[in-house]
C-alpha atoms as a PDB file:
ATOM      1  CA  MET A   1      15.585  -8.534   9.614  1.00  0.00           C
ATOM      2  CA  GLU A   2      14.200  -5.641  11.921  1.00  0.00           C
ATOM      3  CA  HIS A   3      11.155  -4.355  11.113  1.00  0.00           C
ATOM      4  CA  ARG A   4      10.296  -1.245  12.945  1.00  0.00           C
ATOM      5  CA  LYS A   5       6.925  -0.232  13.845  1.00  0.00           C
ATOM      6  CA  ARG A   6       6.781   3.253  15.193  1.00  0.00           C
ATOM      7  CA  PHE A   7       3.119   4.174  15.961  1.00  0.00           C
ATOM      8  CA  GLN A   8       2.341   7.395  14.443  1.00  0.00           C
ATOM      9  CA  ARG A   9      -1.143   9.402  14.831  1.00  0.00           C
ATOM     10  CA  ALA A  10      -2.790  11.904  12.877  1.00  0.00           C
ATOM     11  CA  GLN A  11      -6.064  14.145  13.007  1.00  0.00           C
ATOM     12  CA  LEU A  12      -7.870  15.310  10.015  1.00  0.00           C
ATOM     13  CA  ALA A  13     -11.658  17.727  10.540  1.00  0.00           C
ATOM     14  CA  LEU A  14     -14.407  16.994   8.383  1.00  0.00           C
ATOM     15  CA  ASP A  15     -16.594  19.827   9.807  1.00  0.00           C
ATOM     16  CA  ALA A  16     -16.849  21.804  13.367  1.00  0.00           C
ATOM     17  CA  SER A  17     -18.361  18.411  14.682  1.00  0.00           C
ATOM     18  CA  ARG A  18     -16.530  15.394  12.860  1.00  0.00           C
ATOM     19  CA  GLU A  19     -12.982  14.259  12.454  1.00  0.00           C
ATOM     20  CA  LEU A  20     -10.749  11.383  11.152  1.00  0.00           C
ATOM     21  CA  ILE A  21      -7.959   9.885  13.056  1.00  0.00           C
ATOM     22  CA  ILE A  22      -5.240   8.312  10.924  1.00  0.00           C
ATOM     23  CA  GLU A  23      -2.879   6.108  12.611  1.00  0.00           C
ATOM     24  CA  GLY A  24      -0.679   3.173  12.594  1.00  0.00           C
ATOM     25  CA  PRO A  25       0.916   0.614  12.005  1.00  0.00           C
ATOM     26  CA  VAL A  26      -2.306  -0.653  14.381  1.00  0.00           C
ATOM     27  CA  PRO A  27      -2.555  -3.819  16.336  1.00  0.00           C
ATOM     28  CA  ALA A  28      -4.208  -6.636  15.512  1.00  0.00           C
ATOM     29  CA  GLU A  29      -5.817  -6.781  19.151  1.00  0.00           C
ATOM     30  CA  ARG A  30      -6.897  -2.887  18.525  1.00  0.00           C
ATOM     31  CA  LEU A  31      -8.226  -3.338  15.016  1.00  0.00           C
ATOM     32  CA  ALA A  32     -10.406  -6.653  15.933  1.00  0.00           C
ATOM     33  CA  ASP A  33     -12.237  -4.242  18.041  1.00  0.00           C
ATOM     34  CA  MET A  34     -12.623  -1.572  14.530  1.00  0.00           C
ATOM     35  CA  LYS A  35     -15.609  -2.131  12.390  1.00  0.00           C
ATOM     36  CA  MET A  36     -15.390  -1.354   8.499  1.00  0.00           C
ATOM     37  CA  ASN A  37     -17.185   1.046   6.592  1.00  0.00           C
ATOM     38  CA  ALA A  38     -19.841  -0.859   4.339  1.00  0.00           C
ATOM     39  CA  ALA A  39     -18.525   0.655   1.395  1.00  0.00           C
ATOM     40  CA  LEU A  40     -14.973  -0.702   1.746  1.00  0.00           C
ATOM     41  CA  ASP A  41     -15.910  -3.677  -0.481  1.00  0.00           C
ATOM     42  CA  ALA A  42     -13.340  -3.494  -3.642  1.00  0.00           C
ATOM     43  CA  PHE A  43     -11.672  -6.811  -2.823  1.00  0.00           C
ATOM     44  CA  ARG A  44     -13.873  -8.529  -0.854  1.00  0.00           C
ATOM     45  CA  ARG A  45     -16.799  -8.025   1.754  1.00  0.00           C
ATOM     46  CA  PRO A  46     -16.107  -5.411   4.452  1.00  0.00           C
ATOM     47  CA  ARG A  47     -16.352  -8.225   6.893  1.00  0.00           C
ATOM     48  CA  GLU A  48     -13.624 -10.345   5.309  1.00  0.00           C
ATOM     49  CA  GLN A  49     -11.519  -7.823   4.529  1.00  0.00           C
ATOM     50  CA  HIS A  50     -11.452  -6.957   7.716  1.00  0.00           C
ATOM     51  CA  GLU A  51     -10.492 -10.532   9.143  1.00  0.00           C
ATOM     52  CA  ALA A  52      -7.902 -10.356   6.659  1.00  0.00           C
ATOM     53  CA  LEU A  53      -6.048  -6.792   7.870  1.00  0.00           C
ATOM     54  CA  VAL A  54      -6.086  -8.109  11.296  1.00  0.00           C
ATOM     55  CA  GLU A  55      -4.075 -11.296   9.763  1.00  0.00           C
ATOM     56  CA  ILE A  56      -1.690  -9.098   7.984  1.00  0.00           C
ATOM     57  CA  ALA A  57      -1.149  -6.793  11.467  1.00  0.00           C
ATOM     58  CA  ASN A  58      -0.426 -10.223  12.872  1.00  0.00           C
ATOM     59  CA  LEU A  59       2.504 -10.646  10.910  1.00  0.00           C
ATOM     60  CA  VAL A  60       6.402  -9.869  11.460  1.00  0.00           C
ATOM     61  CA  GLU A  61       6.231  -7.733   8.484  1.00  0.00           C
ATOM     62  CA  GLY A  62       2.517  -6.684   8.494  1.00  0.00           C
ATOM     63  CA  ARG A  63       1.565  -3.117   9.219  1.00  0.00           C
ATOM     64  CA  ILE A  64      -1.725  -1.569   8.407  1.00  0.00           C
ATOM     65  CA  ILE A  65      -2.506   2.077   8.381  1.00  0.00           C
ATOM     66  CA  VAL A  66      -6.079   3.263   9.301  1.00  0.00           C
ATOM     67  CA  ALA A  67      -8.426   6.408   8.640  1.00  0.00           C
ATOM     68  CA  ARG A  68     -11.440   6.101  10.819  1.00  0.00           C
ATOM     69  CA  GLU A  69     -14.084   8.296  11.798  1.00  0.00           C
ATOM     70  CA  GLY A  70     -14.888   6.720  15.558  1.00  0.00           C
ATOM     71  CA  ASP A  71     -14.139   3.018  15.776  1.00  0.00           C
ATOM     72  CA  ILE A  72     -15.480   2.708  11.939  1.00  0.00           C
ATOM     73  CA  ILE A  73     -12.524   2.450   9.361  1.00  0.00           C
ATOM     74  CA  VAL A  74     -13.527   4.593   6.044  1.00  0.00           C
ATOM     75  CA  GLY A  75     -10.025   3.692   4.589  1.00  0.00           C
ATOM     76  CA  TYR A  76      -6.715   1.742   4.614  1.00  0.00           C
ATOM     77  CA  VAL A  77      -3.650   0.818   3.305  1.00  0.00           C
ATOM     78  CA  THR A  78      -1.767  -2.736   3.998  1.00  0.00           C
ATOM     79  CA  PHE A  79       2.131  -3.859   3.714  1.00  0.00           C
ATOM     80  CA  HIS A  80       3.151  -7.177   3.766  1.00  0.00           C
ATOM     81  CA  TYR A  81       5.404  -9.473   1.937  1.00  0.00           C
ATOM     82  CA  ALA A  82       4.568 -10.392  -1.145  1.00  0.00           C
ATOM     83  CA  ASP A  83       2.258 -13.711  -1.951  1.00  0.00           C
ATOM     84  CA  GLU A  84       4.470 -16.698  -2.415  1.00  0.00           C
ATOM     85  CA  LEU A  85       3.329 -17.388  -5.642  1.00  0.00           C
ATOM     86  CA  GLU A  86       4.342 -14.199  -7.183  1.00  0.00           C
ATOM     87  CA  ARG A  87       7.596 -13.883  -8.704  1.00  0.00           C
ATOM     88  CA  TRP A  88       8.351 -10.761  -5.952  1.00  0.00           C
ATOM     89  CA  SER A  89       8.664 -13.513  -3.476  1.00  0.00           C
ATOM     90  CA  ASP A  90      11.372 -15.325  -6.108  1.00  0.00           C
ATOM     91  CA  GLY A  91      14.529 -13.609  -4.517  1.00  0.00           C
ATOM     92  CA  GLY A  92      13.408 -14.808  -0.861  1.00  0.00           C
ATOM     93  CA  MET A  93      13.798 -11.139   0.542  1.00  0.00           C
ATOM     94  CA  LEU A  94      13.653 -10.054   3.882  1.00  0.00           C
ATOM     95  CA  ASP A  95      13.726  -6.573   3.325  1.00  0.00           C
ATOM     96  CA  LEU A  96      11.151  -6.108   0.169  1.00  0.00           C
ATOM     97  CA  ILE A  97       7.999  -5.440   1.285  1.00  0.00           C
ATOM     98  CA  GLU A  98       4.689  -5.062  -0.825  1.00  0.00           C
ATOM     99  CA  LEU A  99       2.266  -2.296  -0.775  1.00  0.00           C
ATOM    100  CA  GLY A 100      -0.491  -4.015  -1.274  1.00  0.00           C
ATOM    101  CA  ALA A 101      -4.377  -2.809  -1.345  1.00  0.00           C
ATOM    102  CA  ILE A 102      -5.411   0.956  -0.496  1.00  0.00           C
ATOM    103  CA  GLU A 103      -8.801   2.043  -0.531  1.00  0.00           C
ATOM    104  CA  VAL A 104     -11.047   4.821   0.812  1.00  0.00           C
ATOM    105  CA  ALA A 105     -14.797   4.829   1.447  1.00  0.00           C
ATOM    106  CA  ASP A 106     -16.808   6.757  -1.235  1.00  0.00           C
ATOM    107  CA  ASP A 107     -17.948   9.352   0.940  1.00  0.00           C
ATOM    108  CA  TYR A 108     -14.787  10.255   2.106  1.00  0.00           C
ATOM    109  CA  ARG A 109     -13.149  10.642  -1.116  1.00  0.00           C
ATOM    110  CA  GLY A 110     -11.596  14.031  -1.886  1.00  0.00           C
ATOM    111  CA  TYR A 111     -10.203  14.438   1.316  1.00  0.00           C
ATOM    112  CA  GLY A 112      -6.362  13.308   0.337  1.00  0.00           C
ATOM    113  CA  LEU A 113      -6.671  10.198   2.757  1.00  0.00           C
ATOM    114  CA  GLY A 114      -4.706   7.788   0.679  1.00  0.00           C
ATOM    115  CA  LYS A 115      -1.939  10.207   0.622  1.00  0.00           C
ATOM    116  CA  ARG A 116      -1.913  11.006   4.469  1.00  0.00           C
ATOM    117  CA  MET A 117      -2.111   7.142   5.282  1.00  0.00           C
ATOM    118  CA  ILE A 118       0.912   6.637   2.720  1.00  0.00           C
ATOM    119  CA  GLN A 119       3.148   9.423   4.001  1.00  0.00           C
ATOM    120  CA  LEU A 120       2.274   8.659   7.560  1.00  0.00           C
ATOM    121  CA  ALA A 121       3.657   4.898   6.906  1.00  0.00           C
ATOM    122  CA  PHE A 122       7.030   6.145   5.809  1.00  0.00           C
ATOM    123  CA  ALA A 123       7.350   8.449   8.842  1.00  0.00           C
ATOM    124  CA  GLU A 124      10.392   8.046  11.373  1.00  0.00           C
ATOM    125  CA  GLU A 125      12.186   6.307   8.847  1.00  0.00           C
ATOM    126  CA  GLN A 126      10.403   3.426   9.662  1.00  0.00           C
ATOM    127  CA  LEU A 127      11.000   1.641   5.839  1.00  0.00           C
ATOM    128  CA  GLU A 128      13.835   3.266   5.389  1.00  0.00           C
ATOM    129  CA  ASN A 129      15.573  -0.548   5.763  1.00  0.00           C
ATOM    130  CA  MET A 130      13.353  -1.804   3.248  1.00  0.00           C
ATOM    131  CA  ILE A 131      12.513  -1.770  -0.541  1.00  0.00           C
ATOM    132  CA  VAL A 132       8.927  -0.987  -0.986  1.00  0.00           C
ATOM    133  CA  PHE A 133       6.983  -1.411  -4.332  1.00  0.00           C
ATOM    134  CA  THR A 134       3.534  -1.391  -5.399  1.00  0.00           C
ATOM    135  CA  THR A 135       2.128  -3.108  -8.533  1.00  0.00           C
ATOM    136  CA  GLU A 136      -0.591  -1.108 -10.280  1.00  0.00           C
ATOM    137  CA  TYR A 137      -3.169  -2.824 -12.694  1.00  0.00           C
ATOM    138  CA  TYR A 138      -6.041  -1.239 -14.365  1.00  0.00           C
ATOM    139  CA  TRP A 139      -8.426  -3.857 -13.505  1.00  0.00           C
ATOM    140  CA  HIS A 140      -8.190  -2.832  -9.714  1.00  0.00           C
ATOM    141  CA  TRP A 141      -9.393   0.762 -10.152  1.00  0.00           C
ATOM    142  CA  ASP A 142     -12.504   2.000  -9.670  1.00  0.00           C
ATOM    143  CA  LEU A 143     -13.236   3.831 -13.340  1.00  0.00           C
ATOM    144  CA  GLU A 144     -16.717   3.517 -13.127  1.00  0.00           C
ATOM    145  CA  GLY A 145     -17.001   5.058  -9.698  1.00  0.00           C
ATOM    146  CA  THR A 146     -14.518   7.643 -10.569  1.00  0.00           C
ATOM    147  CA  LYS A 147     -15.469   8.273 -13.911  1.00  0.00           C
ATOM    148  CA  LEU A 148     -12.032   8.827 -14.852  1.00  0.00           C
ATOM    149  CA  SER A 149      -9.839   7.640 -17.979  1.00  0.00           C
ATOM    150  CA  VAL A 150      -7.251   4.614 -17.466  1.00  0.00           C
ATOM    151  CA  TRP A 151      -4.641   7.308 -17.960  1.00  0.00           C
ATOM    152  CA  ASP A 152      -5.790   9.910 -15.715  1.00  0.00           C
ATOM    153  CA  TYR A 153      -6.297   7.001 -12.820  1.00  0.00           C
ATOM    154  CA  ARG A 154      -2.866   5.974 -13.740  1.00  0.00           C
ATOM    155  CA  LYS A 155      -1.741   9.716 -13.533  1.00  0.00           C
ATOM    156  CA  MET A 156      -3.305   9.860 -10.030  1.00  0.00           C
ATOM    157  CA  MET A 157      -1.904   6.349  -8.675  1.00  0.00           C
ATOM    158  CA  GLU A 158       1.061   7.165  -9.541  1.00  0.00           C
ATOM    159  CA  ASN A 159       1.196  10.854  -8.513  1.00  0.00           C
ATOM    160  CA  LEU A 160      -0.499   9.211  -4.870  1.00  0.00           C
ATOM    161  CA  MET A 161       2.887   6.871  -4.714  1.00  0.00           C
ATOM    162  CA  LYS A 162       4.985   9.537  -5.306  1.00  0.00           C
ATOM    163  CA  SER A 163       3.895  11.462  -2.426  1.00  0.00           C
ATOM    164  CA  ALA A 164       5.976   8.640  -0.668  1.00  0.00           C
ATOM    165  CA  GLY A 165       8.782   8.859  -2.810  1.00  0.00           C
ATOM    166  CA  MET A 166       7.897   5.738  -4.549  1.00  0.00           C
ATOM    167  CA  ILE A 167       9.186   5.810  -8.408  1.00  0.00           C
ATOM    168  CA  TRP A 168       8.447   4.122 -11.857  1.00  0.00           C
ATOM    169  CA  TYR A 169      10.912   1.145 -12.118  1.00  0.00           C
ATOM    170  CA  ALA A 170      10.833  -1.255 -15.410  1.00  0.00           C
ATOM    171  CA  THR A 171      10.026  -4.672 -15.158  1.00  0.00           C
ATOM    172  CA  ASP A 172       9.758  -8.084 -17.513  1.00  0.00           C
ATOM    173  CA  ASP A 173       6.792  -8.844 -15.348  1.00  0.00           C
ATOM    174  CA  PRO A 174       3.922 -10.362 -17.885  1.00  0.00           C
ATOM    175  CA  GLU A 175       1.243  -8.571 -15.618  1.00  0.00           C
ATOM    176  CA  ILE A 176       2.268  -5.313 -15.511  1.00  0.00           C
ATOM    177  CA  CYS A 177       3.315  -5.340 -19.543  1.00  0.00           C
ATOM    178  CA  SER A 178       0.321  -7.170 -20.386  1.00  0.00           C
ATOM    179  CA  HIS A 179      -1.455  -3.313 -20.749  1.00  0.00           C
ATOM    180  CA  PRO A 180       0.516   0.134 -20.776  1.00  0.00           C
ATOM    181  CA  ALA A 181      -1.299   1.502 -17.884  1.00  0.00           C
ATOM    182  CA  ASN A 182       0.007  -0.794 -15.512  1.00  0.00           C
ATOM    183  CA  CYS A 183       3.090  -0.238 -13.742  1.00  0.00           C
ATOM    184  CA  LEU A 184       5.358  -0.738 -10.861  1.00  0.00           C
ATOM    185  CA  MET A 185       6.183   1.331  -8.352  1.00  0.00           C
ATOM    186  CA  VAL A 186       9.191   1.297  -5.892  1.00  0.00           C
ATOM    187  CA  ARG A 187      10.891   3.104  -2.954  1.00  0.00           C
ATOM    188  CA  ILE A 188      14.535   1.617  -1.976  1.00  0.00           C
ATOM    189  CA  GLY A 189      15.289   3.177   1.305  1.00  0.00           C
ATOM    190  CA  HIS A 190      18.683   4.745   2.268  1.00  0.00           C
ATOM    191  CA  GLU A 191      19.573   1.781   4.757  1.00  0.00           C
ATOM    192  CA  VAL A 192      19.072  -0.933   1.753  1.00  0.00           C
ATOM    193  CA  PRO A 193      22.696  -2.252   0.837  1.00  0.00           C
ATOM    194  CA  LEU A 194      23.642  -2.475  -2.666  1.00  0.00           C
ATOM    195  CA  SER A 195      23.117  -6.325  -2.612  1.00  0.00           C
ATOM    196  CA  SER A 196      19.197  -6.472  -2.004  1.00  0.00           C
ATOM    197  CA  VAL A 197      19.164  -3.936  -5.002  1.00  0.00           C
ATOM    198  CA  GLU A 198      20.929  -6.238  -6.993  1.00  0.00           C
ATOM    199  CA  GLN A 199      18.757  -8.999  -5.988  1.00  0.00           C
ATOM    200  CA  PHE A 200      15.635  -6.891  -6.622  1.00  0.00           C
ATOM    201  CA  ASP A 201      16.810  -6.127 -10.200  1.00  0.00           C
ATOM    202  CA  ARG A 202      17.212 -10.065 -10.900  1.00  0.00           C
ATOM    203  CA  VAL A 203      13.753 -10.535  -9.475  1.00  0.00           C
ATOM    204  CA  ARG A 204      11.894  -7.404 -11.533  1.00  0.00           C
ATOM    205  CA  PHE A 205      13.855  -8.697 -14.782  1.00  0.00           C
ATOM    206  CA  ARG A 206      13.827 -12.657 -15.529  1.00  0.00           C
ATOM    207  CA  GLN A 207      15.137 -11.731 -18.943  1.00  0.00           C
ATOM    208  CA  ARG A 208      18.700 -10.776 -18.713  1.00  0.00           C
ATOM    209  CA  PHE A 209      19.101  -8.968 -21.626  1.00  0.00           C
ATOM    210  CA  MET A 210      16.972  -6.048 -20.562  1.00  0.00           C
ATOM    211  CA  TYR A 211      19.259  -4.236 -17.839  1.00  0.00           C
END
């Protein structure tokens, strides 16, 4: 399986004297030299999350996209194979990749960093031979910090994923079906064979009568 990692880099001016760099996939050795903004604590403590990013970047399929000010990471997106305990790994598909975590530090929200990082990840047809999916669960969302309702947050996340061509897909996964705001978003690259699409259908529906 070819995992295309074609490094991309963009700049975003914050003001006359400050700018952000959005880049990736970032190699593990480069990530190791960076530091995490202290506010990036949605999933684990910043130092532990930094270690996790380096581990993912070391994976054959893993890719990390970051937004940074200097060498301080202020946002990131992760891509990797699904955890072996999750249903999405059941088919043993080498061309099924999960867009896992996406996080932006509080002080850097409002610049469209999430959208910019995700779009950069798909640049130069890097993922056209992959099915990329993400699972959105309302209990992971920063409803308190954003002051958004669960439905407004869902709409925001859906629009974010749509910016890279990901669309809503049905599934009978119990966790996703446990709340109507949860959803599965998917982008099928134009080089993905029909056999993989059919295998993905079997993974997302265990109850055959549903498709």
